[in-house]
Protein backbone atom coordinates (compact mmCIF):
# COMPACT_ATOMS: atom_id res chain seq x y z
CA MET A 1 151.44 112.08 33.96
CA ALA A 2 153.97 111.31 31.26
CA GLY A 3 155.56 114.11 29.25
CA GLY A 4 153.65 117.14 27.98
CA ALA A 5 153.19 120.55 29.56
CA PRO A 6 153.39 120.77 33.36
CA VAL A 7 150.14 120.67 35.31
CA GLU A 8 149.20 124.13 36.60
CA VAL A 9 148.58 124.09 40.36
CA VAL A 10 147.40 127.27 42.08
CA VAL A 11 147.56 127.31 45.90
CA VAL A 12 145.55 130.06 47.59
CA GLY A 13 146.85 130.79 51.10
CA GLY A 14 150.38 130.92 52.48
CA GLY A 15 149.70 129.60 55.97
CA PHE A 16 150.67 126.29 57.55
CA GLY A 17 148.55 124.27 55.12
CA GLY A 18 149.45 126.17 51.96
CA LEU A 19 153.19 125.91 52.57
CA GLU A 20 152.88 122.23 53.46
CA VAL A 21 151.14 121.52 50.13
CA CYS A 22 153.92 123.35 48.31
CA LYS A 23 156.50 121.24 50.12
CA GLY A 24 154.59 118.08 49.22
CA LEU A 25 154.57 119.05 45.55
CA ALA A 26 158.13 120.39 45.51
CA ARG A 27 159.71 117.34 43.88
CA ALA A 28 157.08 117.18 41.13
CA HIS A 29 157.62 120.91 40.63
CA ARG A 30 161.39 120.46 40.29
CA ASP A 31 160.86 117.58 37.87
CA GLY A 32 158.63 119.74 35.68
CA LYS A 33 155.50 117.66 36.26
CA VAL A 34 153.67 120.54 37.94
CA ARG A 35 154.04 124.31 37.96
CA LEU A 36 153.21 125.89 41.30
CA THR A 37 151.77 129.34 41.90
CA LEU A 38 151.15 130.54 45.45
CA VAL A 39 148.66 133.38 46.05
CA ASP A 40 148.21 135.21 49.35
CA LYS A 41 146.84 138.61 50.33
CA GLU A 42 149.93 139.17 52.49
CA ASN A 43 153.55 138.75 51.48
CA PHE A 44 154.42 136.81 54.63
CA PHE A 45 153.71 133.62 56.53
CA GLN A 46 152.44 134.31 60.05
CA PHE A 47 153.19 132.09 63.06
CA ASN A 48 149.85 132.37 64.86
CA PRO A 49 150.74 130.59 68.13
CA LEU A 50 152.89 133.54 69.21
CA LEU A 51 150.27 136.25 68.57
CA PRO A 52 149.55 136.70 72.33
CA GLU A 53 153.24 137.39 72.93
CA VAL A 54 153.27 139.94 70.10
CA ALA A 55 150.14 141.64 71.47
CA THR A 56 151.81 142.13 74.85
CA GLY A 57 155.27 143.06 73.61
CA ALA A 58 157.03 139.89 74.75
CA VAL A 59 158.02 139.00 71.16
CA GLU A 60 158.93 141.47 68.43
CA THR A 61 156.27 141.94 65.77
CA ARG A 62 158.42 141.04 62.74
CA HIS A 63 159.91 138.00 64.41
CA ILE A 64 156.80 135.82 63.91
CA VAL A 65 156.48 136.47 60.17
CA TYR A 66 158.49 135.04 57.28
CA PRO A 67 158.53 136.50 53.75
CA LEU A 68 156.70 134.19 51.36
CA ARG A 69 159.04 135.14 48.54
CA ALA A 70 161.95 133.89 50.64
CA PHE A 71 160.12 130.55 50.77
CA CYS A 72 159.08 130.51 47.10
CA ALA A 73 162.09 131.92 45.23
CA PRO A 74 164.62 129.20 46.14
CA ARG A 75 162.05 126.57 45.11
CA GLY A 76 161.18 128.21 41.82
CA ILE A 77 157.57 128.75 42.90
CA ARG A 78 155.75 131.78 41.52
CA PHE A 79 154.32 133.99 44.25
CA LEU A 80 151.58 136.60 43.83
CA ARG A 81 150.51 138.95 46.60
CA ASN A 82 146.91 139.24 45.56
CA LYS A 83 143.35 138.23 46.50
CA VAL A 84 140.82 136.01 44.79
CA ARG A 85 137.96 137.96 43.22
CA SER A 86 136.11 135.01 41.70
CA VAL A 87 136.58 131.48 40.40
CA ASP A 88 135.26 130.07 37.13
CA ALA A 89 135.17 126.38 38.03
CA GLU A 90 134.01 125.29 34.57
CA ALA A 91 136.79 127.10 32.72
CA ARG A 92 139.21 126.47 35.62
CA VAL A 93 140.27 130.08 35.94
CA VAL A 94 140.96 132.08 39.11
CA HIS A 95 140.27 135.79 38.75
CA LEU A 96 142.40 137.98 41.01
CA HIS A 97 142.36 141.70 41.67
CA ASN A 98 144.15 144.09 39.30
CA GLY A 99 142.60 142.25 36.37
CA LEU A 100 144.90 139.25 36.68
CA SER A 101 143.57 135.76 35.85
CA LEU A 102 145.25 132.38 36.35
CA ARG A 103 144.35 129.19 34.52
CA TYR A 104 144.63 126.11 36.68
CA ASP A 105 144.42 122.37 36.35
CA HIS A 106 144.20 122.03 40.13
CA LEU A 107 143.18 124.68 42.64
CA VAL A 108 144.03 124.26 46.32
CA MET A 109 142.10 126.43 48.77
CA ALA A 110 144.22 126.91 51.89
CA ALA A 111 143.12 130.45 52.70
CA GLY A 112 142.58 129.86 56.41
CA ALA A 113 139.63 131.33 58.27
CA SER A 114 138.05 134.61 59.27
CA THR A 115 136.48 135.79 62.54
CA ASN A 116 132.97 134.55 63.29
CA TRP A 117 131.04 137.29 65.10
CA PHE A 118 127.90 135.12 65.48
CA ASP A 119 125.76 138.18 64.69
CA ILE A 120 126.31 139.52 68.20
CA PRO A 121 125.15 143.17 68.24
CA GLY A 122 128.12 145.53 68.29
CA ALA A 123 130.78 142.79 68.30
CA GLU A 124 132.31 143.46 64.90
CA ALA A 125 132.24 147.22 65.46
CA HIS A 126 133.67 147.32 68.97
CA ALA A 127 135.50 144.06 69.77
CA PHE A 128 139.11 143.37 68.88
CA PRO A 129 139.52 140.34 66.60
CA PHE A 130 142.58 138.18 67.18
CA LYS A 131 143.53 136.43 63.96
CA THR A 132 146.23 138.47 62.25
CA LEU A 133 149.46 140.29 62.96
CA MET A 134 147.69 143.63 62.52
CA ASP A 135 145.10 142.52 65.09
CA ALA A 136 147.91 141.95 67.59
CA ILE A 137 149.55 145.30 66.76
CA ARG A 138 146.27 147.18 67.19
CA LEU A 139 145.52 145.39 70.44
CA ARG A 140 148.93 146.23 71.90
CA ALA A 141 148.47 149.89 70.98
CA HIS A 142 145.02 149.83 72.59
CA LEU A 143 146.29 148.20 75.79
CA VAL A 144 148.94 150.87 76.17
CA GLU A 145 146.33 153.54 75.37
CA MET A 146 144.10 152.30 78.19
CA TRP A 147 146.98 152.53 80.68
CA GLU A 148 147.99 155.96 79.44
CA LEU A 149 144.42 157.24 79.86
CA ALA A 150 144.06 155.58 83.27
CA ASP A 151 147.27 157.27 84.40
CA GLN A 152 145.71 160.66 83.59
CA ALA A 153 142.11 160.04 84.63
CA GLN A 154 140.95 161.78 87.80
CA ASP A 155 137.86 159.68 88.48
CA ALA A 156 138.43 156.24 90.06
CA GLN A 157 135.44 154.72 88.25
CA VAL A 158 136.72 155.93 84.88
CA ARG A 159 140.13 154.46 85.66
CA ARG A 160 138.59 151.15 86.65
CA GLN A 161 136.55 151.00 83.44
CA LEU A 162 139.62 151.79 81.34
CA LEU A 163 141.52 148.96 83.03
CA THR A 164 138.79 146.35 82.66
CA PHE A 165 139.53 143.83 79.90
CA VAL A 166 137.14 141.15 78.67
CA VAL A 167 138.18 138.14 76.59
CA ALA A 168 135.45 136.13 74.84
CA GLY A 169 136.27 132.46 74.34
CA GLY A 170 137.90 130.05 76.77
CA GLY A 171 139.83 128.00 74.23
CA ILE A 172 143.60 127.90 73.92
CA THR A 173 143.86 131.39 72.44
CA GLY A 174 141.59 133.00 75.04
CA VAL A 175 143.45 131.37 77.92
CA GLU A 176 146.84 132.38 76.52
CA VAL A 177 145.69 135.96 75.91
CA CYS A 178 144.53 136.30 79.53
CA ALA A 179 147.77 134.83 80.87
CA SER A 180 149.81 137.15 78.64
CA PHE A 181 147.79 140.17 79.78
CA MET A 182 148.36 139.44 83.45
CA GLU A 183 152.06 138.78 82.97
CA MET A 184 152.43 142.08 81.12
CA PHE A 185 150.43 144.01 83.71
CA HIS A 186 152.24 142.55 86.73
CA ARG A 187 155.79 142.56 85.37
CA THR A 188 155.83 145.71 83.26
CA MET A 189 152.86 148.03 83.54
CA ARG A 190 152.92 148.30 87.33
CA ARG A 191 156.53 149.54 87.08
CA LEU A 192 155.97 151.93 84.20
CA TYR A 193 152.73 153.32 85.65
CA PRO A 194 153.42 153.65 89.40
CA ASN A 195 150.41 155.96 89.84
CA VAL A 196 148.00 153.27 88.60
CA PRO A 197 147.33 150.66 91.32
CA LEU A 198 146.96 147.08 90.12
CA SER A 199 143.86 146.80 92.28
CA LEU A 200 142.03 148.76 89.56
CA VAL A 201 142.85 146.16 86.90
CA SER A 202 140.41 143.37 86.09
CA VAL A 203 140.47 140.73 83.37
CA HIS A 204 137.36 138.64 82.63
CA LEU A 205 137.44 135.44 80.57
CA VAL A 206 133.94 134.56 79.31
CA GLU A 207 133.32 130.98 78.17
CA ALA A 208 129.96 129.51 77.12
CA GLY A 209 130.92 125.95 78.05
CA GLU A 210 131.10 124.24 81.39
CA ARG A 211 134.90 124.54 81.54
CA LEU A 212 137.86 126.14 79.82
CA LEU A 213 139.82 124.39 77.07
CA GLY A 214 136.95 122.23 75.89
CA GLY A 215 138.22 119.14 74.12
CA LEU A 216 141.50 119.07 76.05
CA ARG A 217 142.26 117.09 79.19
CA ALA A 218 139.92 117.99 82.04
CA GLU A 219 142.80 118.13 84.51
CA HIS A 220 144.62 120.64 82.31
CA ALA A 221 141.47 122.74 82.06
CA GLU A 222 141.34 122.79 85.85
CA VAL A 223 145.05 123.67 86.12
CA ALA A 224 144.58 126.51 83.63
CA ALA A 225 141.49 127.87 85.40
CA ARG A 226 143.19 127.69 88.79
CA HIS A 227 146.33 129.37 87.46
CA LEU A 228 144.35 132.19 85.83
CA ARG A 229 142.38 132.80 89.01
CA THR A 230 145.66 132.93 90.93
CA LEU A 231 146.84 135.62 88.53
CA GLY A 232 143.63 137.56 89.18
CA VAL A 233 141.55 136.63 86.14
CA SER A 234 137.80 136.29 86.66
CA VAL A 235 136.76 133.09 84.87
CA VAL A 236 133.09 133.32 83.84
CA LEU A 237 131.63 129.97 82.69
CA HIS A 238 128.23 129.12 81.17
CA ARG A 239 127.92 132.65 79.82
CA ARG A 240 128.05 134.24 76.36
CA VAL A 241 128.55 137.78 75.21
CA ALA A 242 125.12 139.07 74.14
CA ALA A 243 125.93 142.64 73.10
CA VAL A 244 128.84 145.07 72.94
CA ASP A 245 129.23 148.81 72.67
CA ALA A 246 132.11 151.24 73.19
CA GLU A 247 131.71 151.30 76.96
CA ARG A 248 130.28 147.98 78.11
CA VAL A 249 129.99 144.25 77.48
CA THR A 250 126.61 142.67 78.17
CA LEU A 251 126.34 138.93 78.90
CA ASP A 252 123.41 136.67 78.11
CA ASP A 253 122.23 136.67 81.72
CA GLY A 254 121.90 140.44 81.67
CA ALA A 255 125.11 141.12 83.59
CA VAL A 256 126.99 144.20 82.38
CA ILE A 257 130.77 144.60 82.52
CA PRO A 258 131.79 148.27 82.10
CA ALA A 259 134.79 148.01 79.78
CA HIS A 260 136.31 149.58 76.69
CA THR A 261 138.13 146.39 75.70
CA LEU A 262 136.68 143.12 74.41
CA VAL A 263 139.06 140.67 72.73
CA TRP A 264 137.24 138.19 70.49
CA THR A 265 138.87 134.75 70.43
CA THR A 266 135.77 132.63 69.97
CA GLY A 267 134.67 131.11 66.71
CA ILE A 268 135.98 131.15 63.15
CA ARG A 269 134.40 131.07 59.73
CA GLY A 270 135.66 129.93 56.40
CA PRO A 271 137.26 132.40 53.96
CA VAL A 272 133.98 133.28 52.27
CA GLY A 273 134.29 137.08 52.34
CA ASP A 274 132.59 138.77 49.40
CA VAL A 275 133.48 136.01 46.91
CA ALA A 276 130.66 133.93 45.38
CA TRP A 277 132.45 130.60 45.45
CA PRO A 278 131.30 127.97 42.94
CA PHE A 279 132.05 125.21 45.45
CA PRO A 280 129.72 123.74 48.11
CA LEU A 281 129.98 125.25 51.56
CA GLY A 282 129.66 123.29 54.80
CA ARG A 283 129.54 124.40 58.41
CA ALA A 284 130.54 127.95 59.33
CA GLY A 285 131.20 128.93 55.74
CA ARG A 286 133.97 126.40 55.18
CA PHE A 287 134.33 124.42 51.96
CA LYS A 288 132.59 121.06 52.09
CA VAL A 289 135.19 118.47 51.15
CA ASP A 290 134.85 114.78 50.40
CA ALA A 291 136.94 112.14 52.17
CA HIS A 292 139.90 112.92 49.89
CA GLY A 293 139.85 116.69 50.26
CA GLN A 294 138.13 117.53 46.97
CA ILE A 295 135.48 120.25 46.67
CA GLY A 296 134.95 119.90 42.92
CA PRO A 297 136.70 118.75 39.74
CA GLY A 298 140.32 119.80 40.04
CA ALA A 299 139.61 121.71 43.27
CA TRP A 300 140.72 120.93 46.82
CA ALA A 301 140.47 122.51 50.27
CA LEU A 302 142.29 121.98 53.55
CA GLY A 303 142.96 123.33 57.03
CA ASP A 304 140.67 125.99 58.49
CA ALA A 305 139.12 126.55 55.05
CA ALA A 306 137.74 122.98 54.92
CA ASP A 307 134.79 121.30 56.60
CA TRP A 308 136.52 117.91 56.72
CA ILE A 309 135.50 114.64 58.39
CA ASP A 310 138.18 111.95 58.54
CA ASP A 311 137.67 108.25 57.84
CA THR A 312 136.70 107.61 61.47
CA GLY A 313 133.82 110.09 61.29
CA ARG A 314 135.65 112.70 63.36
CA THR A 315 135.39 116.37 62.40
CA LEU A 316 138.95 117.61 62.06
CA PRO A 317 139.79 120.41 64.52
CA GLN A 318 140.68 123.87 63.26
CA VAL A 319 144.27 123.80 64.53
CA ALA A 320 147.74 123.73 62.97
CA GLN A 321 147.88 119.93 63.22
CA GLY A 322 144.73 119.70 61.13
CA ALA A 323 146.25 122.01 58.52
CA PHE A 324 149.44 119.94 58.31
CA GLN A 325 147.67 116.59 58.05
CA THR A 326 145.03 117.66 55.53
CA ALA A 327 147.70 119.43 53.46
CA ARG A 328 149.78 116.27 53.25
CA CYS A 329 146.70 114.31 52.24
CA VAL A 330 145.82 116.83 49.51
CA ALA A 331 149.38 116.90 48.15
CA THR A 332 149.52 113.09 48.08
CA ASN A 333 146.11 112.81 46.43
CA LEU A 334 146.88 115.49 43.89
CA LEU A 335 149.99 113.57 42.81
CA ALA A 336 147.98 110.34 42.81
CA THR A 337 145.47 111.99 40.48
CA LEU A 338 148.26 112.89 38.06
CA ASP A 339 149.60 109.34 38.11
CA GLY A 340 146.22 107.62 37.97
CA ARG A 341 146.58 106.06 41.42
CA PRO A 342 143.81 105.60 44.03
CA LEU A 343 143.19 108.49 46.40
CA GLY A 344 143.79 108.24 50.13
CA THR A 345 141.97 109.64 53.15
CA VAL A 346 142.96 111.28 56.42
CA ARG A 347 142.88 109.54 59.76
CA TYR A 348 143.58 112.40 62.11
CA GLN A 349 146.31 111.75 64.66
CA ASP A 350 146.25 113.99 67.72
CA MET A 351 149.90 114.75 68.41
CA GLY A 352 149.06 116.73 71.53
CA TYR A 353 148.78 120.38 72.46
CA ILE A 354 150.55 123.16 74.31
CA VAL A 355 148.84 125.93 76.28
CA GLY A 356 151.08 128.75 77.46
CA LEU A 357 150.15 130.20 80.84
CA GLY A 358 152.94 132.74 81.23
CA ARG A 359 156.52 132.57 82.42
CA HIS A 360 157.52 129.04 83.40
CA SER A 361 153.92 127.86 83.48
CA THR A 362 152.40 125.70 80.75
CA VAL A 363 150.18 122.67 80.34
CA ALA A 364 150.79 120.26 77.49
CA SER A 365 149.94 116.82 76.18
CA LEU A 366 152.78 115.21 74.26
CA MET A 367 151.66 112.11 72.36
CA GLY A 368 149.13 111.45 75.13
CA LEU A 369 151.56 112.17 77.97
CA PRO A 370 150.36 115.05 80.20
CA VAL A 371 153.01 117.57 81.25
CA SER A 372 152.68 120.82 83.17
CA GLY A 373 154.75 123.41 84.97
CA VAL A 374 158.34 124.43 84.20
CA LEU A 375 159.13 121.32 82.12
CA ALA A 376 156.16 122.02 79.86
CA TRP A 377 157.22 125.68 79.55
CA TYR A 378 160.65 124.69 78.27
CA PHE A 379 159.03 122.32 75.79
CA TRP A 380 156.71 125.15 74.72
CA ALA A 381 159.69 127.43 74.07
CA PHE A 382 161.76 124.84 72.18
CA TYR A 383 158.82 123.52 70.16
CA TYR A 384 157.87 126.97 68.90
CA LEU A 385 161.49 127.68 68.00
CA PHE A 386 161.62 124.43 66.04
CA ALA A 387 158.30 125.13 64.29
CA MET A 388 159.29 128.61 63.09
CA VAL A 389 159.98 128.92 59.37
CA GLY A 390 163.59 129.92 58.65
CA PHE A 391 166.71 129.92 60.82
CA ARG A 392 166.69 133.70 61.12
CA LYS A 393 163.23 133.68 62.67
CA GLN A 394 164.21 130.84 65.00
CA LEU A 395 167.17 132.91 66.18
CA GLU A 396 165.09 136.05 66.60
CA VAL A 397 162.37 134.33 68.63
CA ALA A 398 164.98 132.52 70.75
CA THR A 399 166.53 135.90 71.53
CA ASP A 400 163.12 137.29 72.49
CA VAL A 401 162.39 134.35 74.80
CA LEU A 402 165.76 134.65 76.56
CA LYS A 403 165.53 138.44 76.70
CA GLY A 404 162.08 138.18 78.25
CA LEU A 405 163.57 136.51 81.31
CA PHE A 406 165.43 139.71 82.18
CA VAL A 407 163.75 142.74 80.59
CA LEU A 408 160.31 144.32 80.58
CA HIS A 409 157.73 144.02 77.81
CA ASP A 410 158.02 146.43 74.92
CA THR A 411 155.21 148.99 75.35
CA THR A 412 156.04 151.11 72.33
CA GLN A 413 152.70 152.32 70.99
CA ILE A 414 152.63 152.14 67.19
CA HIS A 415 149.28 153.12 65.72
CA ASP A 416 147.30 155.54 63.64
CA ARG A 417 146.45 158.18 66.25
CA LYS A 418 143.21 159.32 64.61
CA ARG A 419 141.91 155.76 64.39
CA MET A 420 143.08 154.90 67.89
CA LEU A 421 141.33 157.63 69.86
CA ARG A 422 137.68 157.09 70.74
CA ALA A 423 134.83 159.18 72.08
CA HIS A 424 135.50 158.12 75.67
CA ASP A 425 139.10 159.36 75.64
CA LEU A 426 139.95 162.14 77.99
CA ASP A 427 140.91 164.75 75.41
CA PRO A 428 140.47 164.20 71.65
CA GLU A 429 143.16 166.83 71.00
CA LEU A 430 145.92 164.62 72.50
């Protein structure tokens, strides 16, 4: 592009991918070639890998979020805390709530994903999703509620049911949630609730596949399963959740687990919501992109919002690495479009993974090199510190990690009391 008005670029979604696109376009924005607007329904970036630690009180809630205006303002990027209501692809206009409309030359959909309930009866009504900061806050309040009720219950069977926790999905998130639960229960809850024996506590991890951590190294899956069993987690393989209600979880083989807690960490969908998108949709409600990341004229998608196959024919995984790599490709191709250059494609490079299994226990693959145990735990801690957005957040999380070596989990129960209490609670007047 030479001279003229700047190209209007609207980025929807302030997660890993959305911020990476903004960084990739930052120079063109400073030079006046493009004008960036970032739209997100929240006013903060959320560091998802530490959600299990937030849910169990090992990391402070606000320490894993970073204000999007603090990212945008120094870069001169306009930020709008709003949601997309509809898109007019022909006129190239995004309609937001509050009657606001934005004209765009290029629209980048980086809105992440939503929970996929797979039409399981009762799942959406009774299970706890695990995608957002509010999900983690609600789950922590619920965990504490279950222990409080168990401490007061007179019937042993009621206490056992209150302290039975089921996690659906044996991927990285499900494994980390189970490990975080057991660390919290053993280190903190047994001390704060001396009248509640740990023998009443049970955690079940339900996975439909033949092993945990599908797609990762088989030896790490075995290490993780063995470690969880050592902690006391019941690992249930080859089984799916078939139905859920307020008092039980039913598996597809007919087995019933009496429990008031089901954490849903399996499956995601694209950001479809109640918007009638004018772009083609692929698998699981994600935008169907071409090899360059385009979903239509002047429209792009990336990360969890995109159904993307790289130039080797591999479906890109719905992880942070995928968001980073597709975002860089979209930013590069968008600039190439402005300059009339050929568009590139993504060849996904697996940089490795980290699976936290509790204090001083982690499995990881670093550029193909398998690591486990204490060394991997230190890498886990330092990597997450490095990946946090903003020095303040790095300092806050570092303090939480060091503090966690010496102090108990924070079990402060912050919730809306009327929404928290359920029919099975001991006394609705509490």
